[in-house]
N, C-alpha and C. Protein backbone atom coordinates (compact mmCIF):
# COMPACT_ATOMS: atom_id res chain seq x y z
N MET A 1 58.42 40.06 33.06
CA MET A 1 58.20 39.77 31.45
C MET A 1 57.79 38.65 31.42
N ALA A 2 58.70 37.32 31.91
CA ALA A 2 58.00 36.05 31.85
C ALA A 2 57.14 35.58 32.44
N GLU A 3 56.51 36.30 33.53
CA GLU A 3 55.41 35.94 34.06
C GLU A 3 54.17 36.39 33.24
N SER A 4 54.27 37.56 32.54
CA SER A 4 53.30 37.89 31.69
C SER A 4 53.26 37.30 30.46
N GLN A 5 54.40 36.48 29.99
CA GLN A 5 54.18 35.68 28.83
C GLN A 5 53.64 34.24 29.34
N GLY A 6 54.02 33.95 30.46
CA GLY A 6 53.31 32.55 30.88
C GLY A 6 51.62 32.84 30.97
N ARG A 7 51.21 34.12 31.50
CA ARG A 7 49.80 34.66 31.45
C ARG A 7 49.32 34.57 30.12
N SER A 8 50.14 35.19 28.98
CA SER A 8 49.50 35.13 27.80
C SER A 8 49.52 33.68 27.35
N ILE A 9 50.20 32.81 27.47
CA ILE A 9 50.30 31.45 26.95
C ILE A 9 49.00 30.65 27.43
N TRP A 10 48.47 31.14 28.70
CA TRP A 10 47.65 30.52 29.56
C TRP A 10 46.26 31.20 28.74
N ARG A 11 46.24 32.23 28.61
CA ARG A 11 45.00 32.94 28.27
C ARG A 11 44.79 32.50 26.64
N MET A 12 45.99 32.17 25.94
CA MET A 12 45.66 31.87 24.61
C MET A 12 45.42 30.68 24.57
N ALA A 13 45.86 29.49 25.23
CA ALA A 13 45.38 27.98 25.50
C ALA A 13 44.03 27.85 26.10
N LEU A 14 43.50 29.04 26.72
CA LEU A 14 42.15 29.03 27.19
C LEU A 14 41.23 29.14 26.11
N VAL A 15 41.69 30.21 25.46
CA VAL A 15 40.92 30.64 24.46
C VAL A 15 40.89 29.45 23.40
N CYS A 16 41.70 29.07 22.97
CA CYS A 16 41.69 28.06 21.98
C CYS A 16 40.89 26.68 22.39
N SER A 17 40.95 26.41 23.70
CA SER A 17 40.43 25.42 24.19
C SER A 17 38.71 25.72 24.01
N ALA A 18 38.26 26.99 24.31
CA ALA A 18 36.98 27.41 24.06
C ALA A 18 36.64 27.47 22.98
N VAL A 19 37.28 27.74 22.08
CA VAL A 19 37.00 27.99 20.36
C VAL A 19 36.84 26.48 19.99
N LEU A 20 37.45 25.53 20.58
CA LEU A 20 37.76 24.28 19.89
C LEU A 20 36.57 23.48 20.58
N ALA A 21 35.95 23.72 21.97
CA ALA A 21 34.84 23.12 22.47
C ALA A 21 33.64 23.68 21.69
N CYS A 22 33.54 25.05 21.29
CA CYS A 22 32.48 25.36 20.53
C CYS A 22 32.39 24.92 19.17
N ALA A 23 33.58 24.71 18.48
CA ALA A 23 33.60 24.18 17.40
C ALA A 23 32.99 22.79 17.34
N LEU A 24 33.23 21.77 18.41
CA LEU A 24 32.64 20.49 18.45
C LEU A 24 31.23 20.62 18.72
N MET A 25 31.09 21.52 19.55
CA MET A 25 29.39 21.61 19.78
C MET A 25 28.44 21.91 18.71
N ILE A 26 29.50 23.04 17.82
CA ILE A 26 28.43 23.26 16.40
C ILE A 26 28.53 22.18 15.59
N TYR A 27 29.64 21.20 15.45
CA TYR A 27 29.77 20.11 14.65
C TYR A 27 28.79 19.17 14.99
N SER A 28 28.59 18.79 16.28
CA SER A 28 27.69 17.69 16.50
C SER A 28 26.62 18.35 16.62
N GLY A 29 25.95 19.76 16.76
CA GLY A 29 24.64 20.24 16.48
C GLY A 29 24.28 20.08 15.06
N ILE A 30 25.14 20.34 14.22
CA ILE A 30 24.82 20.52 12.88
C ILE A 30 24.45 18.89 12.36
N GLY A 31 25.11 17.66 13.15
CA GLY A 31 24.59 16.55 12.68
C GLY A 31 23.28 16.07 13.38
N LYS A 32 23.04 16.70 14.37
CA LYS A 32 21.85 16.67 15.08
C LYS A 32 20.78 17.32 14.34
N LEU A 33 21.04 18.29 13.72
CA LEU A 33 20.00 19.04 13.00
C LEU A 33 19.72 18.55 11.74
N ARG A 34 20.71 17.70 11.16
CA ARG A 34 20.51 17.26 9.69
C ARG A 34 19.91 15.94 10.01
N ASP A 35 19.90 15.23 11.17
CA ASP A 35 18.82 14.02 11.60
C ASP A 35 17.62 14.39 11.77
N SER A 36 17.46 15.37 12.51
CA SER A 36 16.12 16.23 12.99
C SER A 36 15.17 16.63 11.64
N SER A 37 16.13 16.95 10.75
CA SER A 37 15.52 17.53 9.51
C SER A 37 14.92 16.46 8.67
N TRP A 38 15.75 15.29 8.63
CA TRP A 38 15.39 14.19 7.76
C TRP A 38 14.30 13.48 8.47
N ARG A 39 14.34 13.33 9.66
CA ARG A 39 13.28 12.64 10.69
C ARG A 39 11.95 13.43 10.25
N LEU A 40 11.92 14.84 10.37
CA LEU A 40 10.92 15.58 10.24
C LEU A 40 10.20 15.24 8.63
N GLN A 41 11.04 15.25 7.85
CA GLN A 41 10.39 15.00 6.37
C GLN A 41 9.98 13.72 6.48
N GLN A 42 10.30 12.81 6.98
CA GLN A 42 9.60 11.44 7.05
C GLN A 42 8.16 11.66 7.74
N ILE A 43 8.21 11.81 8.91
CA ILE A 43 6.87 12.25 9.37
C ILE A 43 5.88 12.98 8.58
N GLN A 44 6.48 14.25 8.16
CA GLN A 44 5.45 14.89 7.13
C GLN A 44 4.75 14.17 6.26
N GLU A 45 5.72 13.08 5.55
CA GLU A 45 5.05 12.48 4.40
C GLU A 45 4.25 11.41 5.09
N ILE A 46 4.52 10.75 6.02
CA ILE A 46 3.51 9.91 6.81
C ILE A 46 2.10 10.64 7.04
N ASN A 47 2.46 12.02 7.59
CA ASN A 47 1.02 12.71 8.03
C ASN A 47 0.33 12.96 6.40
N GLN A 48 0.82 13.27 5.44
CA GLN A 48 0.21 13.39 4.34
C GLN A 48 -0.34 12.09 3.81
N ASP A 49 0.16 11.15 4.01
CA ASP A 49 -0.56 9.70 3.49
C ASP A 49 -1.65 9.47 4.49
N LEU A 50 -1.55 9.64 5.68
CA LEU A 50 -2.58 9.56 6.54
C LEU A 50 -3.60 10.44 6.41
N ASP A 51 -3.42 11.72 6.08
CA ASP A 51 -4.48 12.68 5.80
C ASP A 51 -5.26 12.26 4.32
N ARG A 52 -4.46 11.74 3.25
CA ARG A 52 -5.12 11.39 2.31
C ARG A 52 -6.16 10.14 2.72
N ASP A 53 -5.76 9.43 3.48
CA ASP A 53 -6.49 8.10 3.97
C ASP A 53 -7.72 8.54 4.64
N ASN A 54 -7.31 9.32 5.62
CA ASN A 54 -8.73 9.95 6.23
C ASN A 54 -9.65 10.72 5.25
N LYS A 55 -9.03 11.56 4.36
CA LYS A 55 -10.17 12.14 3.47
C LYS A 55 -10.83 11.04 2.78
N ILE A 56 -10.47 9.95 2.29
CA ILE A 56 -10.82 8.88 1.35
C ILE A 56 -11.93 8.08 2.25
N LEU A 57 -11.38 7.73 3.60
CA LEU A 57 -12.55 7.22 4.42
C LEU A 57 -13.77 8.01 4.78
N HIS A 58 -13.28 9.40 4.92
CA HIS A 58 -14.59 10.43 5.28
C HIS A 58 -15.58 10.51 4.17
N SER A 59 -15.02 10.37 2.94
CA SER A 59 -15.96 10.60 1.94
C SER A 59 -16.70 9.26 1.78
N GLN A 60 -16.15 8.05 2.23
CA GLN A 60 -16.91 6.67 2.03
C GLN A 60 -17.83 6.75 3.25
N VAL A 61 -17.70 7.29 4.14
CA VAL A 61 -18.47 7.51 5.61
C VAL A 61 -19.82 8.15 5.06
N GLN A 62 -19.40 9.48 4.44
CA GLN A 62 -20.58 10.45 3.75
C GLN A 62 -21.68 9.54 2.82
N ARG A 63 -20.70 8.88 1.83
CA ARG A 63 -21.48 8.00 0.99
C ARG A 63 -22.47 7.18 1.72
N LEU A 64 -21.87 6.45 2.53
CA LEU A 64 -22.82 5.45 3.50
C LEU A 64 -23.91 6.11 4.15
N ARG A 65 -23.57 7.36 4.48
CA ARG A 65 -24.80 7.96 5.34
C ARG A 65 -25.80 8.62 4.37
N ASP A 66 -25.36 8.88 3.28
CA ASP A 66 -26.40 9.40 2.24
C ASP A 66 -27.19 8.66 1.26
N ASP A 67 -26.47 7.61 0.91
CA ASP A 67 -26.85 7.07 -0.31
C ASP A 67 -27.03 5.43 -0.21
N LYS A 68 -28.18 5.34 0.04
CA LYS A 68 -28.72 3.91 0.39
C LYS A 68 -28.36 2.75 -0.55
N GLN A 69 -27.75 3.22 -1.69
CA GLN A 69 -27.25 2.22 -2.94
C GLN A 69 -25.74 1.88 -2.34
N ALA A 70 -25.18 2.73 -2.17
CA ALA A 70 -23.75 2.83 -1.31
C ALA A 70 -23.98 1.73 -0.14
N ILE A 71 -24.69 1.80 0.68
CA ILE A 71 -25.00 0.78 1.71
C ILE A 71 -25.08 -0.58 1.13
N ASP A 72 -26.02 -0.66 0.31
CA ASP A 72 -26.33 -1.84 -0.40
C ASP A 72 -25.34 -2.71 -1.14
N ARG A 73 -24.28 -1.83 -1.85
CA ARG A 73 -22.98 -2.49 -2.40
C ARG A 73 -22.15 -2.78 -1.27
N ALA A 74 -21.88 -1.71 -0.38
CA ALA A 74 -21.04 -2.16 0.72
C ALA A 74 -21.33 -3.45 1.70
N VAL A 75 -22.56 -3.47 2.00
CA VAL A 75 -22.98 -4.86 2.69
C VAL A 75 -22.92 -5.95 1.69
N ARG A 76 -23.23 -6.15 0.32
CA ARG A 76 -22.95 -7.04 -0.36
C ARG A 76 -21.52 -7.52 -0.73
N ARG A 77 -20.64 -6.47 -1.07
CA ARG A 77 -19.19 -6.75 -1.02
C ARG A 77 -18.52 -7.29 0.11
N GLU A 78 -18.89 -6.53 1.36
CA GLU A 78 -18.00 -6.90 2.60
C GLU A 78 -18.45 -8.06 3.39
N MET A 79 -19.90 -8.01 3.44
CA MET A 79 -20.57 -9.12 4.08
C MET A 79 -21.28 -10.33 3.61
N ASP A 80 -20.89 -10.31 2.34
CA ASP A 80 -21.20 -11.17 1.54
C ASP A 80 -23.04 -11.65 1.45
N MET A 81 -23.64 -10.58 1.78
CA MET A 81 -25.33 -10.81 2.07
C MET A 81 -25.87 -10.70 0.72
N VAL A 82 -27.12 -10.93 0.74
CA VAL A 82 -28.05 -11.01 -0.32
C VAL A 82 -29.46 -10.53 0.36
N ARG A 83 -30.23 -10.05 -0.55
CA ARG A 83 -31.58 -9.72 -0.42
C ARG A 83 -32.35 -11.02 -0.21
N PRO A 84 -33.48 -11.03 0.71
CA PRO A 84 -34.50 -12.22 0.92
C PRO A 84 -35.09 -12.95 -0.17
N ASP A 85 -35.31 -12.02 -1.10
CA ASP A 85 -35.65 -12.41 -2.58
C ASP A 85 -34.76 -12.94 -3.52
N GLU A 86 -33.69 -13.05 -3.32
CA GLU A 86 -32.64 -13.57 -4.24
C GLU A 86 -32.18 -14.75 -4.05
N VAL A 87 -32.05 -15.39 -4.95
CA VAL A 87 -31.28 -16.75 -5.30
C VAL A 87 -29.80 -16.69 -5.57
N VAL A 88 -29.08 -17.54 -4.49
CA VAL A 88 -27.53 -17.51 -4.88
C VAL A 88 -27.30 -18.74 -5.44
N TYR A 89 -26.43 -18.91 -6.48
CA TYR A 89 -25.67 -20.08 -7.13
C TYR A 89 -24.28 -20.05 -6.80
N GLN A 90 -23.81 -21.26 -6.65
CA GLN A 90 -22.45 -21.35 -6.19
C GLN A 90 -22.00 -22.40 -6.98
N PHE A 91 -20.85 -22.12 -7.82
CA PHE A 91 -20.18 -23.06 -8.66
C PHE A 91 -19.00 -23.38 -8.24
N ASP A 92 -18.16 -24.62 -8.36
CA ASP A 92 -16.87 -24.85 -8.14
C ASP A 92 -16.02 -24.36 -9.18
N SER A 93 -14.99 -23.75 -8.67
CA SER A 93 -14.07 -23.35 -9.95
C SER A 93 -13.51 -24.42 -10.65
N GLY A 94 -13.01 -24.38 -11.64
CA GLY A 94 -12.24 -25.47 -12.58
C GLY A 94 -11.09 -25.93 -11.67
N ARG A 95 -10.55 -25.43 -10.71
CA ARG A 95 -9.56 -26.39 -9.76
C ARG A 95 -10.21 -27.34 -9.00
N ASN A 96 -11.32 -27.03 -8.35
CA ASN A 96 -11.61 -27.70 -7.29
C ASN A 96 -12.38 -29.11 -7.92
N GLN A 97 -12.88 -28.59 -9.19
CA GLN A 97 -13.49 -29.96 -10.36
C GLN A 97 -12.52 -30.95 -10.45
N LYS A 98 -11.25 -30.26 -10.61
CA LYS A 98 -9.94 -31.08 -11.33
C LYS A 98 -9.61 -32.00 -10.02
N GLU A 99 -9.57 -31.47 -8.55
CA GLU A 99 -9.39 -32.06 -7.34
C GLU A 99 -10.24 -33.35 -7.05
N ALA A 100 -11.45 -32.82 -7.35
CA ALA A 100 -12.64 -34.03 -7.07
C ALA A 100 -12.39 -35.04 -8.05
N ALA A 101 -12.02 -34.92 -9.21
CA ALA A 101 -11.78 -35.83 -9.84
C ALA A 101 -10.73 -36.87 -9.69
N ARG A 102 -10.04 -36.60 -9.31
CA ARG A 102 -8.66 -37.35 -8.47
C ARG A 102 -9.35 -38.41 -7.67
């Protein structure tokens, strides 16, 4: 009888240890799952932003391919170019005039 009680205690201890180990793994797994879910949400938001930017760039490329006026505007704005028959006048800003007066 004492021997069977000893085995029962060991079995109970083994079951309790197994349950405790499972509980700890589940608890740490829940934390990792929460962190992974949060990271996934961040990545999805970044992907949405990149997708929106790509659509904007795609539409700009299409306009530049199809519309000569769009090319003209882009060249003037981004490269500061003018047509050969145009005259460009440059004026000093008010701040530069004040500095020159000193």
